[in-house]
């Protein structure tokens, strides 16, 4: 079946989640985006290009097809100064019902001739070659669609500048985005109890206590870092970060994070191996993220609020993001406000960004003489927002 709204789904699929007998249809979508003269464009660091496409999804209750709208953002010169040597790419859902999405980005290189006589260049036997595939999964709830998911280091610009590289087609970059969409009832995992013929109920994984099965050692995190984990047993997954291993429960991770829920609900390698390798966060942030997911508490928040915000953003833990954002706002100062504004821009933390701009406008003389201002002046878009907030006399 072909869909002409920018997405394509050519065959049907369905899945049955754990602890459920319901089957959820999955629709497949695809969108190809050609960006002409990619390496000679005028967009600077932090300036994005956008495109939208539509894909149908099956509504949960009626089974009817409903339209979902998706936005792709590409930063040809990187999303920020730290990633100016890369092209960055992100996706978010703009409209439609909340769906679980597995998304894949890749680059379509010049086509290869698949015919029996390659020298004939038969156009009907040509097929574009996919390179640099990146895969992720998430659910964009209706109140979280300002956030996006993707990669700051999608591909290095040096690779695109290399002569005879396999990525560009006539100086154009062609990006393919595939999505797999699945609608489900918006229930927390604990509400999806199995259909027990004997009338029993699903037991909580934390109703018992005992010695913790800690295989990676505490490694200097301190006594308070062990307290809540010492109470766990019957763990079924481990988070691995900086050579430390944190045994925990899929149930608890999925209860707080739709990213983990999507990861464990499908046949991703993490679900099959029961190990989640984390390479872009600190082990301290992972520990505090787990503490919050189990106890709704955080230790030393002021010291690690940025690292913890990055963890909450990666796994879409809204409550923890709000907690970290409030901590960052309350600890704003002349010395750190410029770096906080850059951090808010990079992490799409709108409330923090707003507070930072207001703080700078109220303390403009002191801030413009701070060390951080020297970094901020290299970001013309942000400086423009700051000047606009100061009022007409500064314009």
Protein backbone atom coordinates (compact mmCIF):
# COMPACT_ATOMS: atom_id res chain seq x y z
CA UNK A 1 0.00 0.00 0.00
CA UNK A 2 1.42 3.38 -0.98
CA UNK A 3 0.87 6.62 0.92
CA UNK A 4 1.26 9.82 -1.08
CA UNK A 5 1.65 12.27 1.79
CA UNK A 6 5.44 12.14 1.96
CA UNK A 7 5.68 8.72 3.62
CA UNK A 8 5.44 5.22 2.22
CA UNK A 9 4.45 1.98 3.86
CA UNK A 10 4.70 -1.02 1.57
CA UNK A 11 3.76 -3.91 3.83
CA UNK A 12 1.95 -4.43 7.11
CA UNK A 13 3.43 -5.37 10.47
CA UNK A 14 2.20 -5.59 14.03
CA UNK A 15 3.60 -6.14 17.52
CA UNK A 16 2.29 -7.50 20.81
CA UNK A 17 3.96 -5.85 23.85
CA UNK A 18 4.96 -7.72 26.98
CA UNK A 19 2.08 -8.24 29.45
CA UNK A 20 -0.51 -7.66 26.73
CA UNK A 21 -2.58 -9.73 24.32
CA UNK A 22 -3.35 -6.78 22.09
CA UNK A 23 -1.74 -6.48 18.68
CA UNK A 24 -0.67 -3.02 17.55
CA UNK A 25 -0.31 -2.33 13.80
CA UNK A 26 2.96 -0.72 12.72
CA UNK A 27 3.12 1.60 9.71
CA UNK A 28 6.33 2.25 7.84
CA UNK A 29 7.18 5.64 6.38
CA UNK A 30 10.04 6.98 4.29
CA UNK A 31 11.07 10.49 3.24
CA UNK A 32 14.00 11.50 1.01
CA UNK A 33 15.32 15.07 1.32
CA UNK A 34 17.73 16.58 -1.22
CA UNK A 35 19.79 19.56 0.00
CA UNK A 36 21.49 21.14 -3.02
CA UNK A 37 25.07 22.47 -3.00
CA UNK A 38 25.44 21.27 0.57
CA UNK A 39 29.10 22.21 1.07
CA UNK A 40 28.82 25.74 -0.34
CA UNK A 41 25.66 26.88 1.43
CA UNK A 42 25.54 30.14 3.40
CA UNK A 43 24.08 28.73 6.64
CA UNK A 44 26.43 29.28 9.56
CA UNK A 45 26.89 27.43 12.84
CA UNK A 46 23.58 26.98 14.65
CA UNK A 47 21.45 27.75 11.58
CA UNK A 48 19.15 24.96 10.45
CA UNK A 49 17.26 23.84 7.38
CA UNK A 50 13.84 22.25 7.85
CA UNK A 51 11.51 19.92 6.02
CA UNK A 52 8.25 18.22 6.96
CA UNK A 53 6.58 15.01 5.86
CA UNK A 54 3.50 13.02 6.77
CA UNK A 55 3.00 9.36 7.59
CA UNK A 56 -0.28 7.62 8.53
CA UNK A 57 -0.67 5.73 11.79
CA UNK A 58 -3.41 3.43 13.04
CA UNK A 59 -5.49 5.05 15.80
CA UNK A 60 -5.64 2.76 18.85
CA UNK A 61 -9.36 2.49 19.53
CA UNK A 62 -10.92 2.77 16.08
CA UNK A 63 -8.08 1.35 14.02
CA UNK A 64 -8.57 4.16 11.51
CA UNK A 65 -5.63 5.74 9.74
CA UNK A 66 -4.74 9.18 11.08
CA UNK A 67 -2.09 11.55 9.82
CA UNK A 68 1.12 12.28 11.73
CA UNK A 69 3.41 15.15 10.74
CA UNK A 70 7.18 15.09 11.30
CA UNK A 71 9.89 17.72 11.07
CA UNK A 72 13.54 17.11 10.23
CA UNK A 73 16.15 19.74 11.05
CA UNK A 74 19.63 19.71 9.53
CA UNK A 75 22.41 22.06 10.62
CA UNK A 76 24.88 22.06 7.69
CA UNK A 77 27.62 23.63 9.85
CA UNK A 78 26.72 22.02 13.15
CA UNK A 79 24.11 22.86 15.77
CA UNK A 80 26.61 24.72 17.97
CA UNK A 81 30.22 25.87 18.09
CA UNK A 82 31.42 22.62 19.68
CA UNK A 83 30.11 20.68 16.68
CA UNK A 84 31.03 23.10 13.88
CA UNK A 85 32.97 20.37 12.09
CA UNK A 86 29.90 18.18 11.73
CA UNK A 87 26.49 18.24 10.14
CA UNK A 88 23.80 17.79 12.83
CA UNK A 89 20.36 16.26 12.34
CA UNK A 90 17.21 16.04 14.51
CA UNK A 91 13.60 14.87 14.24
CA UNK A 92 10.43 15.67 16.17
CA UNK A 93 6.71 15.05 15.80
CA UNK A 94 4.71 18.16 14.92
CA UNK A 95 1.12 16.89 14.88
CA UNK A 96 -0.99 13.76 15.20
CA UNK A 97 -1.61 11.32 18.06
CA UNK A 98 1.31 10.24 20.24
CA UNK A 99 3.06 7.27 18.64
CA UNK A 100 6.06 5.14 19.37
CA UNK A 101 8.59 5.80 16.62
CA UNK A 102 11.76 4.05 15.58
CA UNK A 103 13.60 6.40 13.24
CA UNK A 104 16.57 5.87 10.96
CA UNK A 105 18.65 8.52 9.19
CA UNK A 106 21.06 7.66 6.40
CA UNK A 107 22.73 9.33 3.43
CA UNK A 108 21.91 8.22 -0.12
CA UNK A 109 25.07 8.11 -2.17
CA UNK A 110 25.29 7.97 -5.96
CA UNK A 111 23.42 4.92 -7.29
CA UNK A 112 25.14 1.68 -8.22
CA UNK A 113 24.25 -0.14 -11.40
CA UNK A 114 22.65 -3.46 -10.45
CA UNK A 115 22.17 -4.71 -14.02
CA UNK A 116 23.89 -7.72 -15.52
CA UNK A 117 25.99 -5.41 -17.68
CA UNK A 118 27.17 -2.58 -15.38
CA UNK A 119 28.78 -0.71 -18.27
CA UNK A 120 25.39 -0.14 -19.88
CA UNK A 121 24.18 2.09 -17.01
CA UNK A 122 20.61 0.88 -17.29
CA UNK A 123 18.57 3.50 -15.31
CA UNK A 124 15.96 0.88 -14.39
CA UNK A 125 18.62 -1.19 -12.63
CA UNK A 126 20.22 1.63 -10.69
CA UNK A 127 19.84 1.78 -6.92
CA UNK A 128 21.05 4.44 -4.49
CA UNK A 129 23.51 3.23 -1.85
CA UNK A 130 22.74 4.01 1.81
CA UNK A 131 25.58 5.22 4.05
CA UNK A 132 26.08 6.37 7.64
CA UNK A 133 22.87 4.93 9.12
CA UNK A 134 21.86 6.17 12.58
CA UNK A 135 18.93 4.57 14.47
CA UNK A 136 16.95 5.82 17.47
CA UNK A 137 13.55 5.45 19.11
CA UNK A 138 11.27 7.65 21.24
CA UNK A 139 7.70 8.70 21.90
CA UNK A 140 6.91 12.41 21.49
CA UNK A 141 4.04 13.06 23.90
CA UNK A 142 1.79 16.00 23.06
CA UNK A 143 3.30 18.21 25.77
CA UNK A 144 6.92 17.38 24.85
CA UNK A 145 6.99 18.08 21.13
CA UNK A 146 9.22 21.11 21.43
CA UNK A 147 12.06 18.68 22.13
CA UNK A 148 13.68 16.68 19.37
CA UNK A 149 15.94 13.67 18.99
CA UNK A 150 18.92 13.15 16.75
CA UNK A 151 22.69 13.46 16.48
CA UNK A 152 24.95 16.47 16.80
CA UNK A 153 27.70 14.51 15.05
CA UNK A 154 25.70 13.01 12.21
CA UNK A 155 28.60 13.15 9.73
CA UNK A 156 31.94 14.95 9.72
CA UNK A 157 32.28 17.77 7.20
CA UNK A 158 35.80 16.56 6.41
CA UNK A 159 34.27 13.35 5.03
CA UNK A 160 32.01 15.38 2.75
CA UNK A 161 34.92 17.51 1.53
CA UNK A 162 37.05 14.50 0.64
CA UNK A 163 37.50 14.05 -3.14
CA UNK A 164 35.43 11.27 -4.69
CA UNK A 165 33.53 10.70 -1.44
CA UNK A 166 30.52 8.34 -1.68
CA UNK A 167 28.06 10.71 0.02
CA UNK A 168 27.31 13.62 -2.32
CA UNK A 169 25.29 13.38 -5.51
CA UNK A 170 26.14 16.22 -7.90
CA UNK A 171 27.14 18.35 -4.87
CA UNK A 172 23.79 17.61 -3.18
CA UNK A 173 23.30 15.73 0.08
CA UNK A 174 20.35 13.34 -0.04
CA UNK A 175 19.08 12.31 3.40
CA UNK A 176 16.67 9.42 3.82
CA UNK A 177 14.53 9.16 6.94
CA UNK A 178 12.64 5.95 7.70
CA UNK A 179 10.10 5.74 10.52
CA UNK A 180 8.20 2.86 12.07
CA UNK A 181 5.09 4.12 13.87
CA UNK A 182 3.03 2.29 16.48
CA UNK A 183 0.04 3.71 18.38
CA UNK A 184 -0.68 2.42 21.88
CA UNK A 185 -3.02 3.35 24.72
CA UNK A 186 -1.35 6.03 26.82
CA UNK A 187 -0.98 3.94 29.97
CA UNK A 188 1.95 3.76 32.30
CA UNK A 189 3.58 0.32 32.31
CA UNK A 190 2.17 -0.44 35.74
CA UNK A 191 -1.37 -0.05 34.38
CA UNK A 192 -0.85 -2.73 31.74
CA UNK A 193 -1.35 -5.75 33.92
CA UNK A 194 -1.36 -9.20 32.34
CA UNK A 195 -4.58 -11.11 31.81
CA UNK A 196 -4.27 -13.64 34.63
CA UNK A 197 -6.78 -16.45 34.34
CA UNK A 198 -6.50 -17.14 38.06
CA UNK A 199 -7.41 -13.59 39.02
CA UNK A 200 -3.94 -12.75 40.34
CA UNK A 201 -2.22 -9.39 39.96
CA UNK A 202 1.22 -8.33 38.79
CA UNK A 203 3.62 -7.94 41.72
CA UNK A 204 5.79 -4.87 42.06
CA UNK A 205 9.50 -5.60 41.52
CA UNK A 206 10.36 -3.63 44.67
CA UNK A 207 8.21 -5.40 47.24
CA UNK A 208 11.19 -7.32 48.60
CA UNK A 209 14.53 -6.24 49.94
CA UNK A 210 17.90 -7.87 50.17
CA UNK A 211 21.53 -7.51 49.22
CA UNK A 212 22.20 -5.70 45.98
CA UNK A 213 23.66 -7.68 43.08
CA UNK A 214 26.27 -5.01 42.31
CA UNK A 215 28.64 -6.40 39.68
CA UNK A 216 30.53 -3.26 38.79
CA UNK A 217 31.46 -1.86 42.19
CA UNK A 218 30.60 1.52 43.64
CA UNK A 219 33.87 3.06 42.54
CA UNK A 220 33.87 6.02 44.90
CA UNK A 221 30.27 7.13 44.62
CA UNK A 222 29.99 7.09 48.42
CA UNK A 223 27.71 5.52 50.97
CA UNK A 224 24.67 7.56 49.94
CA UNK A 225 25.17 6.37 46.37
CA UNK A 226 24.65 2.78 47.52
CA UNK A 227 21.61 3.19 49.74
CA UNK A 228 18.73 2.96 47.32
CA UNK A 229 20.47 0.35 45.14
CA UNK A 230 21.20 -1.90 48.09
CA UNK A 231 17.47 -2.56 48.39
CA UNK A 232 17.16 -4.08 44.94
CA UNK A 233 17.06 -7.70 43.84
CA UNK A 234 15.75 -9.65 40.85
CA UNK A 235 17.19 -7.09 38.45
CA UNK A 236 16.75 -7.85 34.74
CA UNK A 237 18.82 -5.22 32.90
CA UNK A 238 22.09 -3.35 33.43
CA UNK A 239 23.13 0.15 32.43
CA UNK A 240 26.85 0.26 31.62
CA UNK A 241 28.66 3.60 31.75
CA UNK A 242 32.34 4.46 32.22
CA UNK A 243 33.21 0.88 33.18
CA UNK A 244 30.54 0.86 35.90
CA UNK A 245 27.54 -1.43 35.76
CA UNK A 246 24.20 -0.46 37.30
CA UNK A 247 21.79 -3.43 37.63
CA UNK A 248 18.17 -2.29 37.63
CA UNK A 249 14.67 -3.19 36.44
CA UNK A 250 13.17 -2.66 32.99
CA UNK A 251 9.84 -2.02 34.67
CA UNK A 252 11.17 0.95 36.61
CA UNK A 253 13.06 2.44 33.67
CA UNK A 254 10.06 2.14 31.35
CA UNK A 255 7.75 3.61 34.00
CA UNK A 256 9.62 6.93 33.93
CA UNK A 257 11.06 7.02 30.40
CA UNK A 258 9.24 6.43 27.13
CA UNK A 259 12.65 6.01 25.47
CA UNK A 260 13.44 3.00 27.67
CA UNK A 261 9.87 1.73 27.19
CA UNK A 262 10.27 1.83 23.41
CA UNK A 263 13.71 0.23 23.69
CA UNK A 264 12.43 -2.72 25.75
CA UNK A 265 9.17 -3.14 23.80
CA UNK A 266 10.91 -3.95 20.54
CA UNK A 267 13.63 -6.34 19.49
CA UNK A 268 16.50 -3.88 19.84
CA UNK A 269 19.88 -5.25 20.88
CA UNK A 270 19.48 -3.71 24.37
CA UNK A 271 16.24 -5.61 24.91
CA UNK A 272 17.76 -8.88 23.72
CA UNK A 273 21.06 -8.58 25.61
CA UNK A 274 19.62 -6.91 28.75
CA UNK A 275 22.54 -4.46 28.66
CA UNK A 276 22.37 -0.77 27.76
CA UNK A 277 25.74 0.75 26.91
CA UNK A 278 25.86 4.50 27.59
CA UNK A 279 28.84 6.35 26.11
CA UNK A 280 27.74 9.99 26.13
CA UNK A 281 26.90 10.49 29.83
CA UNK A 282 28.89 10.39 33.07
CA UNK A 283 28.41 7.49 35.46
CA UNK A 284 27.54 9.99 38.20
CA UNK A 285 24.68 11.35 36.07
CA UNK A 286 23.45 7.82 35.34
CA UNK A 287 23.48 6.98 39.07
CA UNK A 288 21.47 10.09 39.96
CA UNK A 289 19.08 9.47 37.07
CA UNK A 290 18.41 6.01 38.49
CA UNK A 291 18.03 7.44 41.98
CA UNK A 292 15.34 9.79 40.68
CA UNK A 293 13.56 7.02 38.78
CA UNK A 294 13.40 4.87 41.91
CA UNK A 295 13.04 7.42 44.73
CA UNK A 296 12.16 10.81 43.14
CA UNK A 297 15.27 12.22 44.84
CA UNK A 298 18.59 13.62 43.61
CA UNK A 299 21.78 14.05 45.62
CA UNK A 300 24.13 17.01 44.97
CA UNK A 301 21.80 18.46 42.33
CA UNK A 302 23.56 21.84 42.20
CA UNK A 303 26.85 20.17 41.38
CA UNK A 304 25.65 17.91 38.57
CA UNK A 305 22.52 19.67 37.30
CA UNK A 306 23.89 20.11 33.76
CA UNK A 307 25.07 16.52 33.43
CA UNK A 308 21.82 15.26 34.89
CA UNK A 309 19.77 17.46 32.56
CA UNK A 310 21.63 15.86 29.62
CA UNK A 311 20.69 12.40 30.93
CA UNK A 312 17.05 13.40 31.44
CA UNK A 313 16.95 14.90 27.96
CA UNK A 314 18.47 11.81 26.35
CA UNK A 315 15.88 9.51 27.93
CA UNK A 316 13.00 12.03 27.89
CA UNK A 317 12.35 12.05 31.64
CA UNK A 318 10.19 15.17 31.85
CA UNK A 319 10.00 15.49 35.65
CA UNK A 320 13.76 15.22 36.01
CA UNK A 321 14.36 17.74 33.23
CA UNK A 322 12.07 20.20 35.00
CA UNK A 323 13.90 19.62 38.30
CA UNK A 324 17.30 20.22 36.71
CA UNK A 325 16.08 23.26 34.79
CA UNK A 326 14.73 24.85 37.99
CA UNK A 327 18.06 24.18 39.71
CA UNK A 328 19.99 25.79 36.86
CA UNK A 329 17.69 28.84 36.93
CA UNK A 330 17.99 29.27 40.69
CA UNK A 331 21.81 29.06 40.58
CA UNK A 332 22.25 31.53 37.72
CA UNK A 333 24.98 34.14 38.21
CA UNK A 334 27.01 36.78 36.35
CA UNK A 335 29.79 34.26 35.80
CA UNK A 336 27.72 31.36 34.46
CA UNK A 337 24.73 32.94 32.71
CA UNK A 338 26.36 33.06 29.27
CA UNK A 339 27.36 29.40 29.38
CA UNK A 340 23.87 28.54 30.67
CA UNK A 341 22.33 30.36 27.70
CA UNK A 342 24.48 28.34 25.29
CA UNK A 343 23.60 25.16 27.18
CA UNK A 344 19.88 26.01 27.00
CA UNK A 345 20.13 26.59 23.26
CA UNK A 346 21.93 23.29 22.68
CA UNK A 347 19.49 21.33 24.87
CA UNK A 348 16.38 23.21 23.68
CA UNK A 349 15.56 24.14 27.28
CA UNK A 350 13.17 26.99 26.57
CA UNK A 351 12.48 28.03 30.18
CA UNK A 352 16.19 28.15 31.03
CA UNK A 353 16.89 30.09 27.85
CA UNK A 354 14.18 32.62 28.68
CA UNK A 355 15.48 33.09 32.24
CA UNK A 356 19.07 33.50 31.03
CA UNK A 357 18.10 36.18 28.50
CA UNK A 358 16.08 38.02 31.15
CA UNK A 359 19.02 37.81 33.58
CA UNK A 360 21.44 39.23 31.01
CA UNK A 361 19.07 42.06 30.09
CA UNK A 362 18.78 43.05 33.78
CA UNK A 363 22.54 42.83 34.39
CA UNK A 364 23.85 43.85 30.99
CA UNK A 365 26.83 45.91 32.18
CA UNK A 366 28.25 43.20 34.44
CA UNK A 367 27.53 40.35 32.05
CA UNK A 368 29.08 42.05 29.00
CA UNK A 369 32.28 42.45 31.02
CA UNK A 370 32.37 38.80 32.09
CA UNK A 371 34.55 36.08 30.62
CA UNK A 372 31.53 34.15 29.36
CA UNK A 373 30.39 37.06 27.19
CA UNK A 374 33.45 36.54 24.95
CA UNK A 375 32.05 33.13 23.98
CA UNK A 376 28.50 34.40 23.57
CA UNK A 377 29.38 37.15 21.10
CA UNK A 378 30.33 34.46 18.59
CA UNK A 379 26.67 33.39 18.52
CA UNK A 380 24.91 36.19 16.57
CA UNK A 381 21.44 34.65 16.77
CA UNK A 382 21.57 34.48 20.58
CA UNK A 383 23.08 37.96 20.89
CA UNK A 384 20.24 39.30 18.75
CA UNK A 385 17.68 37.75 21.10
CA UNK A 386 19.46 39.27 24.10
CA UNK A 387 19.57 42.74 22.52
CA UNK A 388 15.90 42.52 21.56
CA UNK A 389 15.04 41.66 25.18
CA UNK A 390 16.93 44.74 26.40
CA UNK A 391 14.53 47.07 24.60
CA UNK A 392 14.50 49.66 21.80
CA UNK A 393 17.26 51.88 23.26
CA UNK A 394 19.77 49.06 22.79
CA UNK A 395 18.50 48.20 19.33
